[in-house]
PDB file of N, CA and C in Angstrom:
ATOM      1  N   MET A   1      -9.676  -3.294 -27.516  1.00  0.00           N
ATOM      2  CA  MET A   1     -10.333  -2.929 -26.280  1.00  0.00           C
ATOM      3  C   MET A   1     -11.050  -4.153 -25.742  1.00  0.00           C
ATOM      4  N   GLU A   2     -11.000  -4.284 -24.434  1.00  0.00           N
ATOM      5  CA  GLU A   2     -11.648  -5.394 -23.745  1.00  0.00           C
ATOM      6  C   GLU A   2     -12.456  -4.829 -22.582  1.00  0.00           C
ATOM      7  N   ILE A   3     -13.669  -5.313 -22.390  1.00  0.00           N
ATOM      8  CA  ILE A   3     -14.478  -4.949 -21.232  1.00  0.00           C
ATOM      9  C   ILE A   3     -14.552  -6.176 -20.355  1.00  0.00           C
ATOM     10  N   ARG A   4     -14.160  -5.994 -19.104  1.00  0.00           N
ATOM     11  CA  ARG A   4     -14.116  -7.129 -18.190  1.00  0.00           C
ATOM     12  C   ARG A   4     -14.377  -6.643 -16.775  1.00  0.00           C
ATOM     13  N   ARG A   5     -14.623  -7.588 -15.896  1.00  0.00           N
ATOM     14  CA  ARG A   5     -14.797  -7.280 -14.482  1.00  0.00           C
ATOM     15  C   ARG A   5     -13.455  -6.893 -13.885  1.00  0.00           C
ATOM     16  N   PHE A   6     -13.519  -6.135 -12.814  1.00  0.00           N
ATOM     17  CA  PHE A   6     -12.345  -5.774 -12.037  1.00  0.00           C
ATOM     18  C   PHE A   6     -11.576  -7.024 -11.659  1.00  0.00           C
ATOM     19  N   SER A   7     -10.264  -6.934 -11.712  1.00  0.00           N
ATOM     20  CA  SER A   7      -9.382  -8.024 -11.283  1.00  0.00           C
ATOM     21  C   SER A   7      -8.413  -7.477 -10.248  1.00  0.00           C
ATOM     22  N   ASN A   8      -8.029  -8.318  -9.296  1.00  0.00           N
ATOM     23  CA  ASN A   8      -6.998  -7.898  -8.351  1.00  0.00           C
ATOM     24  C   ASN A   8      -5.782  -7.474  -9.151  1.00  0.00           C
ATOM     25  N   GLY A   9      -5.208  -6.355  -8.757  1.00  0.00           N
ATOM     26  CA  GLY A   9      -4.094  -5.780  -9.490  1.00  0.00           C
ATOM     27  C   GLY A   9      -4.497  -4.538 -10.266  1.00  0.00           C
ATOM     28  N   ASP A  10      -5.813  -4.321 -10.436  1.00  0.00           N
ATOM     29  CA  ASP A  10      -6.313  -3.133 -11.138  1.00  0.00           C
ATOM     30  C   ASP A  10      -6.388  -1.914 -10.217  1.00  0.00           C
ATOM     31  N   GLU A  11      -6.199  -2.120  -8.933  1.00  0.00           N
ATOM     32  CA  GLU A  11      -6.475  -1.085  -7.940  1.00  0.00           C
ATOM     33  C   GLU A  11      -5.732   0.223  -8.193  1.00  0.00           C
ATOM     34  N   ILE A  12      -4.446   0.165  -8.413  1.00  0.00           N
ATOM     35  CA  ILE A  12      -3.652   1.386  -8.549  1.00  0.00           C
ATOM     36  C   ILE A  12      -4.079   2.186  -9.771  1.00  0.00           C
ATOM     37  N   ALA A  13      -4.225   1.529 -10.911  1.00  0.00           N
ATOM     38  CA  ALA A  13      -4.623   2.226 -12.137  1.00  0.00           C
ATOM     39  C   ALA A  13      -6.022   2.822 -11.986  1.00  0.00           C
ATOM     40  N   LEU A  14      -6.936   2.089 -11.367  1.00  0.00           N
ATOM     41  CA  LEU A  14      -8.299   2.607 -11.192  1.00  0.00           C
ATOM     42  C   LEU A  14      -8.338   3.766 -10.206  1.00  0.00           C
ATOM     43  N   PHE A  15      -7.526   3.681  -9.168  1.00  0.00           N
ATOM     44  CA  PHE A  15      -7.460   4.761  -8.189  1.00  0.00           C
ATOM     45  C   PHE A  15      -6.949   6.037  -8.856  1.00  0.00           C
ATOM     46  N   ARG A  16      -5.909   5.921  -9.648  1.00  0.00           N
ATOM     47  CA  ARG A  16      -5.367   7.080 -10.362  1.00  0.00           C
ATOM     48  C   ARG A  16      -6.385   7.638 -11.353  1.00  0.00           C
ATOM     49  N   THR A  17      -7.084   6.754 -12.047  1.00  0.00           N
ATOM     50  CA  THR A  17      -8.102   7.190 -13.000  1.00  0.00           C
ATOM     51  C   THR A  17      -9.233   7.912 -12.276  1.00  0.00           C
ATOM     52  N   PHE A  18      -9.667   7.364 -11.154  1.00  0.00           N
ATOM     53  CA  PHE A  18     -10.723   7.985 -10.361  1.00  0.00           C
ATOM     54  C   PHE A  18     -10.322   9.385  -9.915  1.00  0.00           C
ATOM     55  N   LEU A  19      -9.149   9.500  -9.295  1.00  0.00           N
ATOM     56  CA  LEU A  19      -8.710  10.801  -8.793  1.00  0.00           C
ATOM     57  C   LEU A  19      -8.555  11.827  -9.911  1.00  0.00           C
ATOM     58  N   SER A  20      -7.938  11.433 -11.005  1.00  0.00           N
ATOM     59  CA  SER A  20      -7.753  12.395 -12.090  1.00  0.00           C
ATOM     60  C   SER A  20      -9.090  12.762 -12.732  1.00  0.00           C
ATOM     61  N   SER A  21     -10.008  11.811 -12.823  1.00  0.00           N
ATOM     62  CA  SER A  21     -11.327  12.109 -13.388  1.00  0.00           C
ATOM     63  C   SER A  21     -12.073  13.127 -12.539  1.00  0.00           C
ATOM     64  N   VAL A  22     -12.017  12.952 -11.241  1.00  0.00           N
ATOM     65  CA  VAL A  22     -12.737  13.858 -10.349  1.00  0.00           C
ATOM     66  C   VAL A  22     -12.029  15.207 -10.254  1.00  0.00           C
ATOM     67  N   HIS A  23     -10.716  15.197  -9.992  1.00  0.00           N
ATOM     68  CA  HIS A  23     -10.004  16.440  -9.716  1.00  0.00           C
ATOM     69  C   HIS A  23      -9.631  17.230 -10.965  1.00  0.00           C
ATOM     70  N   ILE A  24      -9.566  16.595 -12.099  1.00  0.00           N
ATOM     71  CA  ILE A  24      -9.188  17.316 -13.315  1.00  0.00           C
ATOM     72  C   ILE A  24     -10.396  17.489 -14.236  1.00  0.00           C
ATOM     73  N   ILE A  25     -10.981  16.403 -14.670  1.00  0.00           N
ATOM     74  CA  ILE A  25     -12.073  16.479 -15.646  1.00  0.00           C
ATOM     75  C   ILE A  25     -13.331  17.080 -15.032  1.00  0.00           C
ATOM     76  N   ALA A  26     -13.764  16.558 -13.897  1.00  0.00           N
ATOM     77  CA  ALA A  26     -15.013  17.030 -13.285  1.00  0.00           C
ATOM     78  C   ALA A  26     -14.877  18.401 -12.651  1.00  0.00           C
ATOM     79  N   SER A  27     -13.657  18.863 -12.456  1.00  0.00           N
ATOM     80  CA  SER A  27     -13.452  20.156 -11.800  1.00  0.00           C
ATOM     81  C   SER A  27     -14.025  21.311 -12.608  1.00  0.00           C
ATOM     82  N   HIS A  28     -14.299  21.088 -13.873  1.00  0.00           N
ATOM     83  CA  HIS A  28     -14.886  22.128 -14.712  1.00  0.00           C
ATOM     84  C   HIS A  28     -16.394  22.253 -14.489  1.00  0.00           C
ATOM     85  N   ASP A  29     -16.983  21.229 -13.901  1.00  0.00           N
ATOM     86  CA  ASP A  29     -18.441  21.195 -13.749  1.00  0.00           C
ATOM     87  C   ASP A  29     -18.929  21.220 -12.305  1.00  0.00           C
ATOM     88  N   TYR A  30     -18.027  21.080 -11.350  1.00  0.00           N
ATOM     89  CA  TYR A  30     -18.420  21.022  -9.943  1.00  0.00           C
ATOM     90  C   TYR A  30     -17.609  22.013  -9.125  1.00  0.00           C
ATOM     91  N   THR A  31     -18.137  22.395  -7.990  1.00  0.00           N
ATOM     92  CA  THR A  31     -17.428  23.321  -7.111  1.00  0.00           C
ATOM     93  C   THR A  31     -16.281  22.598  -6.410  1.00  0.00           C
ATOM     94  N   HIS A  32     -15.378  23.389  -5.858  1.00  0.00           N
ATOM     95  CA  HIS A  32     -14.260  22.821  -5.095  1.00  0.00           C
ATOM     96  C   HIS A  32     -14.782  21.967  -3.935  1.00  0.00           C
ATOM     97  N   GLU A  33     -15.817  22.430  -3.278  1.00  0.00           N
ATOM     98  CA  GLU A  33     -16.389  21.696  -2.148  1.00  0.00           C
ATOM     99  C   GLU A  33     -16.959  20.342  -2.589  1.00  0.00           C
ATOM    100  N   GLN A  34     -17.624  20.337  -3.742  1.00  0.00           N
ATOM    101  CA  GLN A  34     -18.169  19.077  -4.253  1.00  0.00           C
ATOM    102  C   GLN A  34     -17.054  18.098  -4.613  1.00  0.00           C
ATOM    103  N   ILE A  35     -16.015  18.602  -5.233  1.00  0.00           N
ATOM    104  CA  ILE A  35     -14.868  17.753  -5.603  1.00  0.00           C
ATOM    105  C   ILE A  35     -14.225  17.157  -4.353  1.00  0.00           C
ATOM    106  N   GLU A  36     -14.018  17.993  -3.342  1.00  0.00           N
ATOM    107  CA  GLU A  36     -13.391  17.520  -2.102  1.00  0.00           C
ATOM    108  C   GLU A  36     -14.262  16.490  -1.383  1.00  0.00           C
ATOM    109  N   ALA A  37     -15.587  16.638  -1.464  1.00  0.00           N
ATOM    110  CA  ALA A  37     -16.485  15.662  -0.841  1.00  0.00           C
ATOM    111  C   ALA A  37     -16.475  14.348  -1.610  1.00  0.00           C
ATOM    112  N   TRP A  38     -16.375  14.424  -2.911  1.00  0.00           N
ATOM    113  CA  TRP A  38     -16.419  13.248  -3.774  1.00  0.00           C
ATOM    114  C   TRP A  38     -15.111  12.462  -3.710  1.00  0.00           C
ATOM    115  N   ALA A  39     -13.997  13.177  -3.710  1.00  0.00           N
ATOM    116  CA  ALA A  39     -12.678  12.534  -3.690  1.00  0.00           C
ATOM    117  C   ALA A  39     -11.748  13.363  -2.813  1.00  0.00           C
ATOM    118  N   PRO A  40     -11.895  13.223  -1.492  1.00  0.00           N
ATOM    119  CA  PRO A  40     -11.084  14.038  -0.585  1.00  0.00           C
ATOM    120  C   PRO A  40      -9.592  13.734  -0.743  1.00  0.00           C
ATOM    121  N   PRO A  41      -8.744  14.744  -0.482  1.00  0.00           N
ATOM    122  CA  PRO A  41      -7.305  14.549  -0.655  1.00  0.00           C
ATOM    123  C   PRO A  41      -6.712  13.519   0.303  1.00  0.00           C
ATOM    124  N   ASP A  42      -7.390  13.277   1.428  1.00  0.00           N
ATOM    125  CA  ASP A  42      -6.878  12.316   2.401  1.00  0.00           C
ATOM    126  C   ASP A  42      -7.528  10.941   2.264  1.00  0.00           C
ATOM    127  N   ILE A  43      -8.110  10.653   1.114  1.00  0.00           N
ATOM    128  CA  ILE A  43      -8.741   9.353   0.883  1.00  0.00           C
ATOM    129  C   ILE A  43      -7.695   8.244   1.058  1.00  0.00           C
ATOM    130  N   ASP A  44      -8.081   7.193   1.732  1.00  0.00           N
ATOM    131  CA  ASP A  44      -7.175   6.070   2.000  1.00  0.00           C
ATOM    132  C   ASP A  44      -7.162   5.139   0.786  1.00  0.00           C
ATOM    133  N   PRO A  45      -6.034   5.051   0.083  1.00  0.00           N
ATOM    134  CA  PRO A  45      -5.980   4.212  -1.118  1.00  0.00           C
ATOM    135  C   PRO A  45      -6.306   2.741  -0.848  1.00  0.00           C
ATOM    136  N   GLU A  46      -5.917   2.236   0.311  1.00  0.00           N
ATOM    137  CA  GLU A  46      -6.196   0.830   0.617  1.00  0.00           C
ATOM    138  C   GLU A  46      -7.675   0.617   0.885  1.00  0.00           C
ATOM    139  N   GLN A  47      -8.308   1.552   1.564  1.00  0.00           N
ATOM    140  CA  GLN A  47      -9.753   1.446   1.801  1.00  0.00           C
ATOM    141  C   GLN A  47     -10.500   1.525   0.466  1.00  0.00           C
ATOM    142  N   TRP A  48     -10.062   2.418  -0.408  1.00  0.00           N
ATOM    143  CA  TRP A  48     -10.686   2.552  -1.729  1.00  0.00           C
ATOM    144  C   TRP A  48     -10.497   1.256  -2.521  1.00  0.00           C
ATOM    145  N   ALA A  49      -9.285   0.684  -2.475  1.00  0.00           N
ATOM    146  CA  ALA A  49      -8.999  -0.564  -3.191  1.00  0.00           C
ATOM    147  C   ALA A  49      -9.865  -1.696  -2.654  1.00  0.00           C
ATOM    148  N   SER A  50     -10.039  -1.749  -1.343  1.00  0.00           N
ATOM    149  CA  SER A  50     -10.889  -2.771  -0.739  1.00  0.00           C
ATOM    150  C   SER A  50     -12.329  -2.632  -1.237  1.00  0.00           C
ATOM    151  N   HIS A  51     -12.797  -1.400  -1.332  1.00  0.00           N
ATOM    152  CA  HIS A  51     -14.150  -1.147  -1.841  1.00  0.00           C
ATOM    153  C   HIS A  51     -14.264  -1.632  -3.296  1.00  0.00           C
ATOM    154  N   MET A  52     -13.253  -1.380  -4.113  1.00  0.00           N
ATOM    155  CA  MET A  52     -13.275  -1.835  -5.510  1.00  0.00           C
ATOM    156  C   MET A  52     -13.279  -3.367  -5.591  1.00  0.00           C
ATOM    157  N   ARG A  53     -12.528  -4.005  -4.714  1.00  0.00           N
ATOM    158  CA  ARG A  53     -12.508  -5.479  -4.709  1.00  0.00           C
ATOM    159  C   ARG A  53     -13.883  -6.033  -4.348  1.00  0.00           C
ATOM    160  N   GLU A  54     -14.609  -5.322  -3.473  1.00  0.00           N
ATOM    161  CA  GLU A  54     -15.960  -5.748  -3.107  1.00  0.00           C
ATOM    162  C   GLU A  54     -16.960  -5.479  -4.229  1.00  0.00           C
ATOM    163  N   GLN A  55     -16.865  -4.324  -4.855  1.00  0.00           N
ATOM    164  CA  GLN A  55     -17.821  -3.916  -5.887  1.00  0.00           C
ATOM    165  C   GLN A  55     -17.577  -4.588  -7.236  1.00  0.00           C
ATOM    166  N   ARG A  56     -16.325  -4.862  -7.542  1.00  0.00           N
ATOM    167  CA  ARG A  56     -15.922  -5.482  -8.807  1.00  0.00           C
ATOM    168  C   ARG A  56     -16.557  -4.789 -10.018  1.00  0.00           C
ATOM    169  N   PRO A  57     -16.248  -3.496 -10.220  1.00  0.00           N
ATOM    170  CA  PRO A  57     -16.838  -2.779 -11.355  1.00  0.00           C
ATOM    171  C   PRO A  57     -16.331  -3.331 -12.685  1.00  0.00           C
ATOM    172  N   TYR A  58     -17.025  -2.998 -13.739  1.00  0.00           N
ATOM    173  CA  TYR A  58     -16.544  -3.336 -15.076  1.00  0.00           C
ATOM    174  C   TYR A  58     -15.445  -2.354 -15.453  1.00  0.00           C
ATOM    175  N   ASN A  59     -14.500  -2.830 -16.217  1.00  0.00           N
ATOM    176  CA  ASN A  59     -13.384  -2.015 -16.669  1.00  0.00           C
ATOM    177  C   ASN A  59     -13.253  -2.120 -18.171  1.00  0.00           C
ATOM    178  N   ARG A  60     -12.893  -0.991 -18.756  1.00  0.00           N
ATOM    179  CA  ARG A  60     -12.523  -1.017 -20.169  1.00  0.00           C
ATOM    180  C   ARG A  60     -11.006  -1.051 -20.182  1.00  0.00           C
ATOM    181  N   HIS A  61     -10.472  -2.090 -20.696  1.00  0.00           N
ATOM    182  CA  HIS A  61      -9.024  -2.257 -20.729  1.00  0.00           C
ATOM    183  C   HIS A  61      -8.535  -2.010 -22.149  1.00  0.00           C
ATOM    184  N   SER A  62      -7.653  -1.034 -22.258  1.00  0.00           N
ATOM    185  CA  SER A  62      -7.052  -0.755 -23.565  1.00  0.00           C
ATOM    186  C   SER A  62      -5.605  -1.201 -23.520  1.00  0.00           C
ATOM    187  N   PHE A  63      -4.894  -0.931 -24.548  1.00  0.00           N
ATOM    188  CA  PHE A  63      -3.496  -1.324 -24.586  1.00  0.00           C
ATOM    189  C   PHE A  63      -2.633  -0.482 -23.656  1.00  0.00           C
ATOM    190  N   GLN A  64      -3.196   0.626 -23.145  1.00  0.00           N
ATOM    191  CA  GLN A  64      -2.410   1.506 -22.290  1.00  0.00           C
ATOM    192  C   GLN A  64      -2.771   1.366 -20.822  1.00  0.00           C
ATOM    193  N   LYS A  65      -4.010   1.679 -20.456  1.00  0.00           N
ATOM    194  CA  LYS A  65      -4.417   1.666 -19.065  1.00  0.00           C
ATOM    195  C   LYS A  65      -5.855   1.190 -18.941  1.00  0.00           C
ATOM    196  N   PRO A  66      -6.200   0.508 -17.832  1.00  0.00           N
ATOM    197  CA  PRO A  66      -7.616   0.186 -17.603  1.00  0.00           C
ATOM    198  C   PRO A  66      -8.340   1.438 -17.137  1.00  0.00           C
ATOM    199  N   HIS A  67      -9.623   1.555 -17.480  1.00  0.00           N
ATOM    200  CA  HIS A  67     -10.423   2.703 -17.099  1.00  0.00           C
ATOM    201  C   HIS A  67     -11.694   2.212 -16.428  1.00  0.00           C
ATOM    202  N   LEU A  68     -12.058   2.861 -15.353  1.00  0.00           N
ATOM    203  CA  LEU A  68     -13.287   2.533 -14.640  1.00  0.00           C
ATOM    204  C   LEU A  68     -14.475   2.869 -15.519  1.00  0.00           C
ATOM    205  N   SER A  69     -15.390   1.946 -15.625  1.00  0.00           N
ATOM    206  CA  SER A  69     -16.602   2.180 -16.403  1.00  0.00           C
ATOM    207  C   SER A  69     -17.776   2.243 -15.476  1.00  0.00           C
ATOM    208  N   ILE A  70     -18.536   3.317 -15.562  1.00  0.00           N
ATOM    209  CA  ILE A  70     -19.681   3.491 -14.661  1.00  0.00           C
ATOM    210  C   ILE A  70     -20.936   2.981 -15.331  1.00  0.00           C
TER     211      ILE A  70
END
């Protein structure tokens, strides 16, 4: 396992991780309305990727997929 800053090219994996975390994992703890406000179905992937490039979050990179670390 490696913890590192966001790198260009991480966008797609992080976007998928974000959406699945909100819509699948968090769906047990939040209402449908809260989920839709947090990660709306019409979210623009490029706008989200641009935001990640600006924020440069830390990522936990495993041998399979990078994961967003909050």
